């Protein structure tokens, strides 16, 4: 019984670790998208 609970908790922990590991990448992509959608950037580089 203890082993099953421990295994379940490990699976939950892994899912949290994955979501936290992905956050910096998504923030970087989101920041670039905002930068390129900026009005000044669009007019400066004729995008």
PDB file of N, CA and C in Angstrom:
ATOM      1  N   UNK A   1       0.822  -1.195   0.000  1.00  0.00           N
ATOM      2  CA  UNK A   1       0.000   0.000   0.000  1.00  0.00           C
ATOM      3  C   UNK A   1       0.864   1.255   0.000  1.00  0.00           C
ATOM      4  N   UNK A   2       1.903   1.247   0.835  1.00  0.00           N
ATOM      5  CA  UNK A   2       2.789   2.405   0.879  1.00  0.00           C
ATOM      6  C   UNK A   2       3.467   2.639  -0.462  1.00  0.00           C
ATOM      7  N   UNK A   3       3.822   1.536  -1.120  1.00  0.00           N
ATOM      8  CA  UNK A   3       4.513   1.645  -2.404  1.00  0.00           C
ATOM      9  C   UNK A   3       3.610   2.272  -3.463  1.00  0.00           C
ATOM     10  N   UNK A   4       2.339   1.930  -3.437  1.00  0.00           N
ATOM     11  CA  UNK A   4       1.396   2.484  -4.405  1.00  0.00           C
ATOM     12  C   UNK A   4       1.212   3.980  -4.185  1.00  0.00           C
ATOM     13  N   UNK A   5       1.091   4.368  -2.938  1.00  0.00           N
ATOM     14  CA  UNK A   5       0.929   5.789  -2.624  1.00  0.00           C
ATOM     15  C   UNK A   5       2.186   6.556  -3.013  1.00  0.00           C
ATOM     16  N   UNK A   6       3.339   5.987  -2.700  1.00  0.00           N
ATOM     17  CA  UNK A   6       4.608   6.625  -3.034  1.00  0.00           C
ATOM     18  C   UNK A   6       4.764   6.761  -4.548  1.00  0.00           C
ATOM     19  N   UNK A   7       4.385   5.733  -5.293  1.00  0.00           N
ATOM     20  CA  UNK A   7       4.465   5.784  -6.758  1.00  0.00           C
ATOM     21  C   UNK A   7       3.528   6.846  -7.321  1.00  0.00           C
ATOM     22  N   UNK A   8       2.340   6.949  -6.752  1.00  0.00           N
ATOM     23  CA  UNK A   8       1.394   7.971  -7.195  1.00  0.00           C
ATOM     24  C   UNK A   8       1.936   9.369  -6.929  1.00  0.00           C
ATOM     25  N   UNK A   9       2.481   9.569  -5.743  1.00  0.00           N
ATOM     26  CA  UNK A   9       3.042  10.877  -5.415  1.00  0.00           C
ATOM     27  C   UNK A   9       4.225  11.231  -6.316  1.00  0.00           C
ATOM     28  N   UNK A  10       5.018  10.247  -6.695  1.00  0.00           N
ATOM     29  CA  UNK A  10       6.133  10.504  -7.603  1.00  0.00           C
ATOM     30  C   UNK A  10       5.633  10.920  -8.980  1.00  0.00           C
ATOM     31  N   UNK A  11       4.568  10.305  -9.454  1.00  0.00           N
ATOM     32  CA  UNK A  11       4.004  10.686 -10.755  1.00  0.00           C
ATOM     33  C   UNK A  11       3.478  12.114 -10.712  1.00  0.00           C
ATOM     34  N   UNK A  12       2.820  12.474  -9.625  1.00  0.00           N
ATOM     35  CA  UNK A  12       2.309  13.836  -9.480  1.00  0.00           C
ATOM     36  C   UNK A  12       3.461  14.827  -9.434  1.00  0.00           C
ATOM     37  N   UNK A  13       4.517  14.483  -8.711  1.00  0.00           N
ATOM     38  CA  UNK A  13       5.685  15.353  -8.617  1.00  0.00           C
ATOM     39  C   UNK A  13       6.327  15.558  -9.986  1.00  0.00           C
ATOM     40  N   UNK A  14       6.436  14.507 -10.775  1.00  0.00           N
ATOM     41  CA  UNK A  14       7.027  14.624 -12.116  1.00  0.00           C
ATOM     42  C   UNK A  14       6.209  15.551 -12.999  1.00  0.00           C
ATOM     43  N   UNK A  15       4.891  15.485 -12.891  1.00  0.00           N
ATOM     44  CA  UNK A  15       4.058  16.355 -13.720  1.00  0.00           C
ATOM     45  C   UNK A  15       4.233  17.815 -13.320  1.00  0.00           C
ATOM     46  N   UNK A  16       4.373  18.089 -12.029  1.00  0.00           N
ATOM     47  CA  UNK A  16       4.633  19.459 -11.593  1.00  0.00           C
ATOM     48  C   UNK A  16       6.003  19.934 -12.046  1.00  0.00           C
ATOM     49  N   UNK A  17       6.989  19.063 -11.979  1.00  0.00           N
ATOM     50  CA  UNK A  17       8.340  19.446 -12.393  1.00  0.00           C
ATOM     51  C   UNK A  17       8.377  19.782 -13.880  1.00  0.00           C
ATOM     52  N   UNK A  18       7.656  19.041 -14.697  1.00  0.00           N
ATOM     53  CA  UNK A  18       7.624  19.311 -16.129  1.00  0.00           C
ATOM     54  C   UNK A  18       6.983  20.660 -16.411  1.00  0.00           C
ATOM     55  N   UNK A  19       5.882  20.949 -15.761  1.00  0.00           N
ATOM     56  CA  UNK A  19       5.213  22.229 -16.008  1.00  0.00           C
ATOM     57  C   UNK A  19       6.070  23.399 -15.554  1.00  0.00           C
ATOM     58  N   UNK A  20       6.804  23.248 -14.473  1.00  0.00           N
ATOM     59  CA  UNK A  20       7.683  24.314 -14.001  1.00  0.00           C
ATOM     60  C   UNK A  20       8.886  24.461 -14.924  1.00  0.00           C
ATOM     61  N   UNK A  21       9.378  23.369 -15.480  1.00  0.00           N
ATOM     62  CA  UNK A  21      10.527  23.425 -16.384  1.00  0.00           C
ATOM     63  C   UNK A  21      10.170  24.105 -17.701  1.00  0.00           C
ATOM     64  N   UNK A  22       8.927  24.036 -18.114  1.00  0.00           N
ATOM     65  CA  UNK A  22       8.503  24.614 -19.388  1.00  0.00           C
ATOM     66  C   UNK A  22       8.232  26.115 -19.262  1.00  0.00           C
ATOM     67  N   UNK A  23       7.982  26.609 -18.079  1.00  0.00           N
ATOM     68  CA  UNK A  23       7.626  28.014 -17.892  1.00  0.00           C
ATOM     69  C   UNK A  23       8.638  29.009 -18.460  1.00  0.00           C
ATOM     70  N   UNK A  24       9.946  28.887 -18.224  1.00  0.00           N
ATOM     71  CA  UNK A  24      10.877  29.874 -18.787  1.00  0.00           C
ATOM     72  C   UNK A  24      10.853  29.932 -20.311  1.00  0.00           C
ATOM     73  N   UNK A  25      10.681  28.798 -20.947  1.00  0.00           N
ATOM     74  CA  UNK A  25      10.633  28.776 -22.411  1.00  0.00           C
ATOM     75  C   UNK A  25       9.389  29.505 -22.909  1.00  0.00           C
ATOM     76  N   UNK A  26       8.264  29.241 -22.292  1.00  0.00           N
ATOM     77  CA  UNK A  26       7.032  29.894 -22.727  1.00  0.00           C
ATOM     78  C   UNK A  26       7.082  31.393 -22.465  1.00  0.00           C
ATOM     79  N   UNK A  27       7.708  31.795 -21.369  1.00  0.00           N
ATOM     80  CA  UNK A  27       7.846  33.229 -21.095  1.00  0.00           C
ATOM     81  C   UNK A  27       8.715  33.901 -22.137  1.00  0.00           C
ATOM     82  N   UNK A  28       9.778  33.236 -22.569  1.00  0.00           N
ATOM     83  CA  UNK A  28      10.657  33.806 -23.590  1.00  0.00           C
ATOM     84  C   UNK A  28       9.923  33.957 -24.920  1.00  0.00           C
ATOM     85  N   UNK A  29       9.195  32.942 -25.316  1.00  0.00           N
ATOM     86  CA  UNK A  29       8.441  33.000 -26.573  1.00  0.00           C
ATOM     87  C   UNK A  29       7.368  34.079 -26.494  1.00  0.00           C
ATOM     88  N   UNK A  30       6.702  34.165 -25.380  1.00  0.00           N
ATOM     89  CA  UNK A  30       5.667  35.180 -25.197  1.00  0.00           C
ATOM     90  C   UNK A  30       6.273  36.580 -25.243  1.00  0.00           C
ATOM     91  N   UNK A  31       7.443  36.763 -24.628  1.00  0.00           N
ATOM     92  CA  UNK A  31       8.122  38.053 -24.658  1.00  0.00           C
ATOM     93  C   UNK A  31       8.521  38.457 -26.062  1.00  0.00           C
ATOM     94  N   UNK A  32       9.022  37.514 -26.846  1.00  0.00           N
ATOM     95  CA  UNK A  32       9.367  37.814 -28.239  1.00  0.00           C
ATOM     96  C   UNK A  32       8.126  38.172 -29.052  1.00  0.00           C
ATOM     97  N   UNK A  33       7.045  37.481 -28.821  1.00  0.00           N
ATOM     98  CA  UNK A  33       5.806  37.775 -29.544  1.00  0.00           C
ATOM     99  C   UNK A  33       5.318  39.177 -29.221  1.00  0.00           C
ATOM    100  N   UNK A  34       5.408  39.567 -27.971  1.00  0.00           N
ATOM    101  CA  UNK A  34       4.994  40.916 -27.584  1.00  0.00           C
ATOM    102  C   UNK A  34       5.913  41.955 -28.206  1.00  0.00           C
ATOM    103  N   UNK A  35       7.215  41.670 -28.228  1.00  0.00           N
ATOM    104  CA  UNK A  35       8.175  42.612 -28.803  1.00  0.00           C
ATOM    105  C   UNK A  35       7.907  42.824 -30.291  1.00  0.00           C
ATOM    106  N   UNK A  36       7.610  41.756 -31.011  1.00  0.00           N
ATOM    107  CA  UNK A  36       7.362  41.895 -32.444  1.00  0.00           C
ATOM    108  C   UNK A  36       5.978  42.451 -32.751  1.00  0.00           C
ATOM    109  N   UNK A  37       5.071  42.395 -31.817  1.00  0.00           N
ATOM    110  CA  UNK A  37       3.742  42.954 -32.019  1.00  0.00           C
ATOM    111  C   UNK A  37       3.682  44.419 -31.604  1.00  0.00           C
ATOM    112  N   UNK A  38       4.778  44.932 -31.047  1.00  0.00           N
ATOM    113  CA  UNK A  38       4.841  46.317 -30.608  1.00  0.00           C
ATOM    114  C   UNK A  38       4.751  47.246 -31.819  1.00  0.00           C
ATOM    115  N   UNK A  39       3.979  48.305 -31.704  1.00  0.00           N
ATOM    116  CA  UNK A  39       3.763  49.253 -32.805  1.00  0.00           C
ATOM    117  C   UNK A  39       5.067  49.883 -33.281  1.00  0.00           C
ATOM    118  N   UNK A  40       5.938  50.259 -32.367  1.00  0.00           N
ATOM    119  CA  UNK A  40       7.209  50.876 -32.733  1.00  0.00           C
ATOM    120  C   UNK A  40       8.094  49.898 -33.497  1.00  0.00           C
ATOM    121  N   UNK A  41       8.134  48.662 -33.074  1.00  0.00           N
ATOM    122  CA  UNK A  41       8.942  47.646 -33.755  1.00  0.00           C
ATOM    123  C   UNK A  41       8.426  47.408 -35.172  1.00  0.00           C
ATOM    124  N   UNK A  42       7.130  47.387 -35.329  1.00  0.00           N
ATOM    125  CA  UNK A  42       6.534  47.146 -36.645  1.00  0.00           C
ATOM    126  C   UNK A  42       6.874  48.278 -37.605  1.00  0.00           C
ATOM    127  N   UNK A  43       6.764  49.514 -37.143  1.00  0.00           N
ATOM    128  CA  UNK A  43       7.066  50.640 -38.032  1.00  0.00           C
ATOM    129  C   UNK A  43       8.561  50.786 -38.280  1.00  0.00           C
ATOM    130  N   UNK A  44       9.393  50.472 -37.316  1.00  0.00           N
ATOM    131  CA  UNK A  44      10.840  50.617 -37.481  1.00  0.00           C
ATOM    132  C   UNK A  44      11.399  49.639 -38.495  1.00  0.00           C
ATOM    133  N   UNK A  45      10.941  48.410 -38.462  1.00  0.00           N
ATOM    134  CA  UNK A  45      11.482  47.368 -39.334  1.00  0.00           C
ATOM    135  C   UNK A  45      10.562  47.028 -40.504  1.00  0.00           C
ATOM    136  N   UNK A  46       9.536  47.832 -40.713  1.00  0.00           N
ATOM    137  CA  UNK A  46       8.575  47.622 -41.805  1.00  0.00           C
ATOM    138  C   UNK A  46       8.048  46.183 -41.837  1.00  0.00           C
ATOM    139  N   UNK A  47       7.624  45.722 -40.686  1.00  0.00           N
ATOM    140  CA  UNK A  47       7.094  44.351 -40.610  1.00  0.00           C
ATOM    141  C   UNK A  47       5.664  44.349 -41.044  1.00  0.00           C
TER     142      UNK A  47
END
